[in-house]
Amino acid sequence: MKKIFLELKNLDKLTYKIMGYGLIFSSIITFIAVSILILYIFLGVNFFYHLGIALIKSSFYIGTQFIICGIIVDSIKKNLV
C-alpha cells in the first residue's frame, strides 16, 4: 500500500494532470448516473434504472482505469529514461 501512495506522490506533472481530468470526467458521469437514478425513484421507469446502473458501473471503471493506466504509463516513462 505504501508503494502505491509513493507512486502517486512521484507522478510526472503531465500524467498527474491527465489523471485528474480523467477523474473529473468520471465524476461527471457518476453525477449524471445518480441524477438518472433519482429520476427513476420519482418516475418508476425501469429503463432509467438500467441506464443509471450501467452509467455508474462505467464511470467507476473509467476512473479506475485512469488511475491504474496513469501509474503504469508513468513507471514506463521513468524506466525508459
PDB file of N, CA and C in Angstrom:
ATOM      1  N   MET A   1       0.817  -1.179   0.000  1.00  0.00           N
ATOM      2  CA  MET A   1       0.000   0.000   0.000  1.00  0.00           C
ATOM      3  C   MET A   1       0.868   1.252   0.000  1.00  0.00           C
ATOM      4  N   LYS A   2       1.966   1.201   0.740  1.00  0.00           N
ATOM      5  CA  LYS A   2       2.867   2.350   0.775  1.00  0.00           C
ATOM      6  C   LYS A   2       3.463   2.610  -0.601  1.00  0.00           C
ATOM      7  N   LYS A   3       3.723   1.533  -1.342  1.00  0.00           N
ATOM      8  CA  LYS A   3       4.309   1.680  -2.673  1.00  0.00           C
ATOM      9  C   LYS A   3       3.358   2.411  -3.616  1.00  0.00           C
ATOM     10  N   ILE A   4       2.069   2.132  -3.503  1.00  0.00           N
ATOM     11  CA  ILE A   4       1.076   2.793  -4.356  1.00  0.00           C
ATOM     12  C   ILE A   4       1.023   4.286  -4.038  1.00  0.00           C
ATOM     13  N   PHE A   5       1.009   4.629  -2.741  1.00  0.00           N
ATOM     14  CA  PHE A   5       0.975   6.038  -2.368  1.00  0.00           C
ATOM     15  C   PHE A   5       2.264   6.749  -2.764  1.00  0.00           C
ATOM     16  N   LEU A   6       3.381   6.046  -2.692  1.00  0.00           N
ATOM     17  CA  LEU A   6       4.656   6.626  -3.122  1.00  0.00           C
ATOM     18  C   LEU A   6       4.654   6.866  -4.627  1.00  0.00           C
ATOM     19  N   GLU A   7       4.096   5.925  -5.384  1.00  0.00           N
ATOM     20  CA  GLU A   7       3.993   6.098  -6.836  1.00  0.00           C
ATOM     21  C   GLU A   7       3.096   7.280  -7.183  1.00  0.00           C
ATOM     22  N   LEU A   8       1.998   7.451  -6.455  1.00  0.00           N
ATOM     23  CA  LEU A   8       1.091   8.570  -6.718  1.00  0.00           C
ATOM     24  C   LEU A   8       1.738   9.911  -6.378  1.00  0.00           C
ATOM     25  N   LYS A   9       2.608   9.932  -5.360  1.00  0.00           N
ATOM     26  CA  LYS A   9       3.296  11.164  -4.995  1.00  0.00           C
ATOM     27  C   LYS A   9       4.321  11.574  -6.043  1.00  0.00           C
ATOM     28  N   ASN A  10       4.966  10.604  -6.662  1.00  0.00           N
ATOM     29  CA  ASN A  10       6.073  10.879  -7.573  1.00  0.00           C
ATOM     30  C   ASN A  10       5.668  10.829  -9.041  1.00  0.00           C
ATOM     31  N   LEU A  11       4.418  11.116  -9.345  1.00  0.00           N
ATOM     32  CA  LEU A  11       3.962  11.096 -10.733  1.00  0.00           C
ATOM     33  C   LEU A  11       4.489  12.311 -11.490  1.00  0.00           C
ATOM     34  N   ASP A  12       4.669  12.123 -12.786  1.00  0.00           N
ATOM     35  CA  ASP A  12       5.007  13.227 -13.668  1.00  0.00           C
ATOM     36  C   ASP A  12       3.836  14.210 -13.688  1.00  0.00           C
ATOM     37  N   LYS A  13       4.135  15.503 -13.831  1.00  0.00           N
ATOM     38  CA  LYS A  13       3.070  16.508 -13.759  1.00  0.00           C
ATOM     39  C   LYS A  13       2.035  16.337 -14.874  1.00  0.00           C
ATOM     40  N   LEU A  14       2.475  16.012 -16.074  1.00  0.00           N
ATOM     41  CA  LEU A  14       1.544  15.824 -17.184  1.00  0.00           C
ATOM     42  C   LEU A  14       0.653  14.604 -16.948  1.00  0.00           C
ATOM     43  N   THR A  15       1.246  13.521 -16.477  1.00  0.00           N
ATOM     44  CA  THR A  15       0.471  12.317 -16.174  1.00  0.00           C
ATOM     45  C   THR A  15      -0.540  12.596 -15.067  1.00  0.00           C
ATOM     46  N   TYR A  16      -0.108  13.320 -14.045  1.00  0.00           N
ATOM     47  CA  TYR A  16      -0.995  13.667 -12.938  1.00  0.00           C
ATOM     48  C   TYR A  16      -2.150  14.537 -13.423  1.00  0.00           C
ATOM     49  N   LYS A  17      -1.855  15.458 -14.336  1.00  0.00           N
ATOM     50  CA  LYS A  17      -2.892  16.332 -14.881  1.00  0.00           C
ATOM     51  C   LYS A  17      -3.914  15.535 -15.691  1.00  0.00           C
ATOM     52  N   ILE A  18      -3.439  14.606 -16.521  1.00  0.00           N
ATOM     53  CA  ILE A  18      -4.332  13.774 -17.327  1.00  0.00           C
ATOM     54  C   ILE A  18      -5.191  12.891 -16.422  1.00  0.00           C
ATOM     55  N   MET A  19      -4.591  12.346 -15.362  1.00  0.00           N
ATOM     56  CA  MET A  19      -5.360  11.536 -14.425  1.00  0.00           C
ATOM     57  C   MET A  19      -6.427  12.376 -13.733  1.00  0.00           C
ATOM     58  N   GLY A  20      -6.078  13.595 -13.403  1.00  0.00           N
ATOM     59  CA  GLY A  20      -7.058  14.488 -12.765  1.00  0.00           C
ATOM     60  C   GLY A  20      -8.241  14.774 -13.666  1.00  0.00           C
ATOM     61  N   TYR A  21      -7.951  15.069 -14.941  1.00  0.00           N
ATOM     62  CA  TYR A  21      -9.043  15.311 -15.885  1.00  0.00           C
ATOM     63  C   TYR A  21      -9.888  14.055 -16.088  1.00  0.00           C
ATOM     64  N   GLY A  22      -9.254  12.897 -16.099  1.00  0.00           N
ATOM     65  CA  GLY A  22      -9.993  11.651 -16.236  1.00  0.00           C
ATOM     66  C   GLY A  22     -10.912  11.397 -15.055  1.00  0.00           C
ATOM     67  N   LEU A  23     -10.441  11.717 -13.854  1.00  0.00           N
ATOM     68  CA  LEU A  23     -11.279  11.536 -12.668  1.00  0.00           C
ATOM     69  C   LEU A  23     -12.417  12.553 -12.629  1.00  0.00           C
ATOM     70  N   ILE A  24     -12.163  13.756 -13.131  1.00  0.00           N
ATOM     71  CA  ILE A  24     -13.247  14.741 -13.232  1.00  0.00           C
ATOM     72  C   ILE A  24     -14.306  14.246 -14.214  1.00  0.00           C
ATOM     73  N   PHE A  25     -13.864  13.711 -15.356  1.00  0.00           N
ATOM     74  CA  PHE A  25     -14.791  13.153 -16.341  1.00  0.00           C
ATOM     75  C   PHE A  25     -15.601  12.012 -15.735  1.00  0.00           C
ATOM     76  N   SER A  26     -14.935  11.151 -14.990  1.00  0.00           N
ATOM     77  CA  SER A  26     -15.617  10.039 -14.341  1.00  0.00           C
ATOM     78  C   SER A  26     -16.626  10.542 -13.309  1.00  0.00           C
ATOM     79  N   SER A  27     -16.274  11.582 -12.590  1.00  0.00           N
ATOM     80  CA  SER A  27     -17.193  12.155 -11.600  1.00  0.00           C
ATOM     81  C   SER A  27     -18.427  12.762 -12.257  1.00  0.00           C
ATOM     82  N   ILE A  28     -18.238  13.388 -13.413  1.00  0.00           N
ATOM     83  CA  ILE A  28     -19.379  13.955 -14.139  1.00  0.00           C
ATOM     84  C   ILE A  28     -20.329  12.850 -14.581  1.00  0.00           C
ATOM     85  N   ILE A  29     -19.773  11.753 -15.084  1.00  0.00           N
ATOM     86  CA  ILE A  29     -20.616  10.625 -15.496  1.00  0.00           C
ATOM     87  C   ILE A  29     -21.347  10.043 -14.282  1.00  0.00           C
ATOM     88  N   THR A  30     -20.657   9.965 -13.140  1.00  0.00           N
ATOM     89  CA  THR A  30     -21.292   9.471 -11.924  1.00  0.00           C
ATOM     90  C   THR A  30     -22.435  10.381 -11.502  1.00  0.00           C
ATOM     91  N   PHE A  31     -22.231  11.690 -11.584  1.00  0.00           N
ATOM     92  CA  PHE A  31     -23.287  12.635 -11.223  1.00  0.00           C
ATOM     93  C   PHE A  31     -24.499  12.486 -12.138  1.00  0.00           C
ATOM     94  N   ILE A  32     -24.263  12.290 -13.429  1.00  0.00           N
ATOM     95  CA  ILE A  32     -25.359  12.078 -14.376  1.00  0.00           C
ATOM     96  C   ILE A  32     -26.097  10.784 -14.045  1.00  0.00           C
ATOM     97  N   ALA A  33     -25.330   9.729 -13.716  1.00  0.00           N
ATOM     98  CA  ALA A  33     -25.955   8.447 -13.374  1.00  0.00           C
ATOM     99  C   ALA A  33     -26.808   8.558 -12.113  1.00  0.00           C
ATOM    100  N   VAL A  34     -26.306   9.272 -11.117  1.00  0.00           N
ATOM    101  CA  VAL A  34     -27.077   9.448  -9.889  1.00  0.00           C
ATOM    102  C   VAL A  34     -28.342  10.250 -10.178  1.00  0.00           C
ATOM    103  N   SER A  35     -28.239  11.248 -11.042  1.00  0.00           N
ATOM    104  CA  SER A  35     -29.426  12.024 -11.421  1.00  0.00           C
ATOM    105  C   SER A  35     -30.465  11.147 -12.108  1.00  0.00           C
ATOM    106  N   ILE A  36     -30.008  10.266 -12.975  1.00  0.00           N
ATOM    107  CA  ILE A  36     -30.921   9.349 -13.664  1.00  0.00           C
ATOM    108  C   ILE A  36     -31.563   8.385 -12.667  1.00  0.00           C
ATOM    109  N   LEU A  37     -30.789   7.918 -11.688  1.00  0.00           N
ATOM    110  CA  LEU A  37     -31.352   7.020 -10.684  1.00  0.00           C
ATOM    111  C   LEU A  37     -32.359   7.737  -9.786  1.00  0.00           C
ATOM    112  N   ILE A  38     -32.128   9.002  -9.491  1.00  0.00           N
ATOM    113  CA  ILE A  38     -33.116   9.781  -8.732  1.00  0.00           C
ATOM    114  C   ILE A  38     -34.384   9.948  -9.568  1.00  0.00           C
ATOM    115  N   LEU A  39     -34.203  10.158 -10.870  1.00  0.00           N
ATOM    116  CA  LEU A  39     -35.353  10.252 -11.767  1.00  0.00           C
ATOM    117  C   LEU A  39     -36.131   8.939 -11.772  1.00  0.00           C
ATOM    118  N   TYR A  40     -35.418   7.816 -11.703  1.00  0.00           N
ATOM    119  CA  TYR A  40     -36.081   6.506 -11.622  1.00  0.00           C
ATOM    120  C   TYR A  40     -36.926   6.406 -10.344  1.00  0.00           C
ATOM    121  N   ILE A  41     -36.395   6.908  -9.248  1.00  0.00           N
ATOM    122  CA  ILE A  41     -37.141   6.843  -7.983  1.00  0.00           C
ATOM    123  C   ILE A  41     -38.465   7.595  -8.100  1.00  0.00           C
ATOM    124  N   PHE A  42     -38.433   8.750  -8.758  1.00  0.00           N
ATOM    125  CA  PHE A  42     -39.650   9.548  -8.844  1.00  0.00           C
ATOM    126  C   PHE A  42     -40.622   9.061  -9.910  1.00  0.00           C
ATOM    127  N   LEU A  43     -40.095   8.551 -11.032  1.00  0.00           N
ATOM    128  CA  LEU A  43     -40.977   8.143 -12.127  1.00  0.00           C
ATOM    129  C   LEU A  43     -41.274   6.648 -12.163  1.00  0.00           C
ATOM    130  N   GLY A  44     -40.331   5.827 -11.714  1.00  0.00           N
ATOM    131  CA  GLY A  44     -40.550   4.391 -11.674  1.00  0.00           C
ATOM    132  C   GLY A  44     -40.387   3.690 -13.014  1.00  0.00           C
ATOM    133  N   VAL A  45     -39.704   4.326 -13.975  1.00  0.00           N
ATOM    134  CA  VAL A  45     -39.494   3.717 -15.290  1.00  0.00           C
ATOM    135  C   VAL A  45     -38.243   2.826 -15.206  1.00  0.00           C
ATOM    136  N   ASN A  46     -38.388   1.554 -15.549  1.00  0.00           N
ATOM    137  CA  ASN A  46     -37.287   0.600 -15.424  1.00  0.00           C
ATOM    138  C   ASN A  46     -36.102   0.939 -16.316  1.00  0.00           C
ATOM    139  N   PHE A  47     -36.352   1.579 -17.445  1.00  0.00           N
ATOM    140  CA  PHE A  47     -35.261   1.955 -18.346  1.00  0.00           C
ATOM    141  C   PHE A  47     -34.266   2.881 -17.642  1.00  0.00           C
ATOM    142  N   PHE A  48     -34.775   3.805 -16.832  1.00  0.00           N
ATOM    143  CA  PHE A  48     -33.895   4.723 -16.110  1.00  0.00           C
ATOM    144  C   PHE A  48     -33.022   3.990 -15.093  1.00  0.00           C
ATOM    145  N   TYR A  49     -33.570   2.963 -14.481  1.00  0.00           N
ATOM    146  CA  TYR A  49     -32.794   2.168 -13.529  1.00  0.00           C
ATOM    147  C   TYR A  49     -31.627   1.486 -14.224  1.00  0.00           C
ATOM    148  N   HIS A  50     -31.908   0.807 -15.324  1.00  0.00           N
ATOM    149  CA  HIS A  50     -30.854   0.082 -16.031  1.00  0.00           C
ATOM    150  C   HIS A  50     -29.823   1.036 -16.626  1.00  0.00           C
ATOM    151  N   LEU A  51     -30.269   2.164 -17.133  1.00  0.00           N
ATOM    152  CA  LEU A  51     -29.349   3.164 -17.676  1.00  0.00           C
ATOM    153  C   LEU A  51     -28.471   3.748 -16.569  1.00  0.00           C
ATOM    154  N   GLY A  52     -29.050   4.056 -15.431  1.00  0.00           N
ATOM    155  CA  GLY A  52     -28.283   4.619 -14.315  1.00  0.00           C
ATOM    156  C   GLY A  52     -27.255   3.649 -13.771  1.00  0.00           C
ATOM    157  N   ILE A  53     -27.644   2.397 -13.621  1.00  0.00           N
ATOM    158  CA  ILE A  53     -26.708   1.385 -13.120  1.00  0.00           C
ATOM    159  C   ILE A  53     -25.572   1.173 -14.115  1.00  0.00           C
ATOM    160  N   ALA A  54     -25.883   1.119 -15.407  1.00  0.00           N
ATOM    161  CA  ALA A  54     -24.841   0.938 -16.425  1.00  0.00           C
ATOM    162  C   ALA A  54     -23.878   2.126 -16.436  1.00  0.00           C
ATOM    163  N   LEU A  55     -24.405   3.331 -16.290  1.00  0.00           N
ATOM    164  CA  LEU A  55     -23.534   4.507 -16.262  1.00  0.00           C
ATOM    165  C   LEU A  55     -22.662   4.550 -15.013  1.00  0.00           C
ATOM    166  N   ILE A  56     -23.205   4.144 -13.890  1.00  0.00           N
ATOM    167  CA  ILE A  56     -22.400   4.131 -12.653  1.00  0.00           C
ATOM    168  C   ILE A  56     -21.276   3.112 -12.762  1.00  0.00           C
ATOM    169  N   LYS A  57     -21.582   1.931 -13.294  1.00  0.00           N
ATOM    170  CA  LYS A  57     -20.541   0.916 -13.481  1.00  0.00           C
ATOM    171  C   LYS A  57     -19.468   1.424 -14.430  1.00  0.00           C
ATOM    172  N   SER A  58     -19.892   2.044 -15.512  1.00  0.00           N
ATOM    173  CA  SER A  58     -18.934   2.567 -16.492  1.00  0.00           C
ATOM    174  C   SER A  58     -18.064   3.667 -15.897  1.00  0.00           C
ATOM    175  N   SER A  59     -18.645   4.544 -15.111  1.00  0.00           N
ATOM    176  CA  SER A  59     -17.866   5.641 -14.550  1.00  0.00           C
ATOM    177  C   SER A  59     -16.834   5.136 -13.541  1.00  0.00           C
ATOM    178  N   PHE A  60     -17.197   4.153 -12.739  1.00  0.00           N
ATOM    179  CA  PHE A  60     -16.225   3.585 -11.807  1.00  0.00           C
ATOM    180  C   PHE A  60     -15.109   2.875 -12.561  1.00  0.00           C
ATOM    181  N   TYR A  61     -15.463   2.184 -13.634  1.00  0.00           N
ATOM    182  CA  TYR A  61     -14.468   1.504 -14.456  1.00  0.00           C
ATOM    183  C   TYR A  61     -13.517   2.515 -15.098  1.00  0.00           C
ATOM    184  N   ILE A  62     -14.067   3.596 -15.636  1.00  0.00           N
ATOM    185  CA  ILE A  62     -13.245   4.620 -16.284  1.00  0.00           C
ATOM    186  C   ILE A  62     -12.318   5.283 -15.269  1.00  0.00           C
ATOM    187  N   GLY A  63     -12.831   5.614 -14.091  1.00  0.00           N
ATOM    188  CA  GLY A  63     -11.998   6.227 -13.053  1.00  0.00           C
ATOM    189  C   GLY A  63     -10.860   5.326 -12.622  1.00  0.00           C
ATOM    190  N   THR A  64     -11.167   4.047 -12.424  1.00  0.00           N
ATOM    191  CA  THR A  64     -10.136   3.087 -12.041  1.00  0.00           C
ATOM    192  C   THR A  64      -9.088   2.940 -13.138  1.00  0.00           C
ATOM    193  N   GLN A  65      -9.522   2.902 -14.374  1.00  0.00           N
ATOM    194  CA  GLN A  65      -8.589   2.770 -15.483  1.00  0.00           C
ATOM    195  C   GLN A  65      -7.670   3.980 -15.614  1.00  0.00           C
ATOM    196  N   PHE A  66      -8.193   5.169 -15.370  1.00  0.00           N
ATOM    197  CA  PHE A  66      -7.338   6.355 -15.420  1.00  0.00           C
ATOM    198  C   PHE A  66      -6.261   6.293 -14.352  1.00  0.00           C
ATOM    199  N   ILE A  67      -6.608   5.849 -13.160  1.00  0.00           N
ATOM    200  CA  ILE A  67      -5.617   5.763 -12.082  1.00  0.00           C
ATOM    201  C   ILE A  67      -4.574   4.698 -12.398  1.00  0.00           C
ATOM    202  N   ILE A  68      -5.021   3.498 -12.750  1.00  0.00           N
ATOM    203  CA  ILE A  68      -4.097   2.394 -12.999  1.00  0.00           C
ATOM    204  C   ILE A  68      -3.218   2.668 -14.211  1.00  0.00           C
ATOM    205  N   CYS A  69      -3.824   3.110 -15.300  1.00  0.00           N
ATOM    206  CA  CYS A  69      -3.046   3.378 -16.511  1.00  0.00           C
ATOM    207  C   CYS A  69      -2.102   4.557 -16.321  1.00  0.00           C
ATOM    208  N   GLY A  70      -2.494   5.540 -15.517  1.00  0.00           N
ATOM    209  CA  GLY A  70      -1.598   6.661 -15.237  1.00  0.00           C
ATOM    210  C   GLY A  70      -0.354   6.203 -14.505  1.00  0.00           C
ATOM    211  N   ILE A  71      -0.517   5.335 -13.515  1.00  0.00           N
ATOM    212  CA  ILE A  71       0.635   4.809 -12.781  1.00  0.00           C
ATOM    213  C   ILE A  71       1.517   3.976 -13.691  1.00  0.00           C
ATOM    214  N   ILE A  72       0.904   3.151 -14.532  1.00  0.00           N
ATOM    215  CA  ILE A  72       1.681   2.289 -15.427  1.00  0.00           C
ATOM    216  C   ILE A  72       2.442   3.109 -16.457  1.00  0.00           C
ATOM    217  N   VAL A  73       1.776   4.097 -17.071  1.00  0.00           N
ATOM    218  CA  VAL A  73       2.449   4.938 -18.066  1.00  0.00           C
ATOM    219  C   VAL A  73       3.597   5.708 -17.435  1.00  0.00           C
ATOM    220  N   ASP A  74       3.404   6.218 -16.228  1.00  0.00           N
ATOM    221  CA  ASP A  74       4.466   6.953 -15.547  1.00  0.00           C
ATOM    222  C   ASP A  74       5.654   6.057 -15.249  1.00  0.00           C
ATOM    223  N   SER A  75       5.396   4.839 -14.794  1.00  0.00           N
ATOM    224  CA  SER A  75       6.512   3.929 -14.497  1.00  0.00           C
ATOM    225  C   SER A  75       7.235   3.509 -15.771  1.00  0.00           C
ATOM    226  N   ILE A  76       6.519   3.355 -16.872  1.00  0.00           N
ATOM    227  CA  ILE A  76       7.166   3.028 -18.150  1.00  0.00           C
ATOM    228  C   ILE A  76       8.038   4.199 -18.607  1.00  0.00           C
ATOM    229  N   LYS A  77       7.521   5.419 -18.471  1.00  0.00           N
ATOM    230  CA  LYS A  77       8.301   6.596 -18.869  1.00  0.00           C
ATOM    231  C   LYS A  77       9.559   6.720 -18.024  1.00  0.00           C
ATOM    232  N   LYS A  78       9.480   6.420 -16.737  1.00  0.00           N
ATOM    233  CA  LYS A  78      10.654   6.503 -15.869  1.00  0.00           C
ATOM    234  C   LYS A  78      11.679   5.430 -16.192  1.00  0.00           C
ATOM    235  N   ASN A  79      11.208   4.246 -16.603  1.00  0.00           N
ATOM    236  CA  ASN A  79      12.134   3.157 -16.942  1.00  0.00           C
ATOM    237  C   ASN A  79      12.818   3.391 -18.276  1.00  0.00           C
ATOM    238  N   LEU A  80      12.202   4.113 -19.185  1.00  0.00           N
ATOM    239  CA  LEU A  80      12.807   4.377 -20.486  1.00  0.00           C
ATOM    240  C   LEU A  80      13.912   5.428 -20.406  1.00  0.00           C
ATOM    241  N   VAL A  81      13.784   6.343 -19.453  1.00  0.00           N
ATOM    242  CA  VAL A  81      14.767   7.439 -19.347  1.00  0.00           C
ATOM    243  C   VAL A  81      15.931   7.034 -18.524  1.00  0.00           C
TER     244      VAL A  81
END
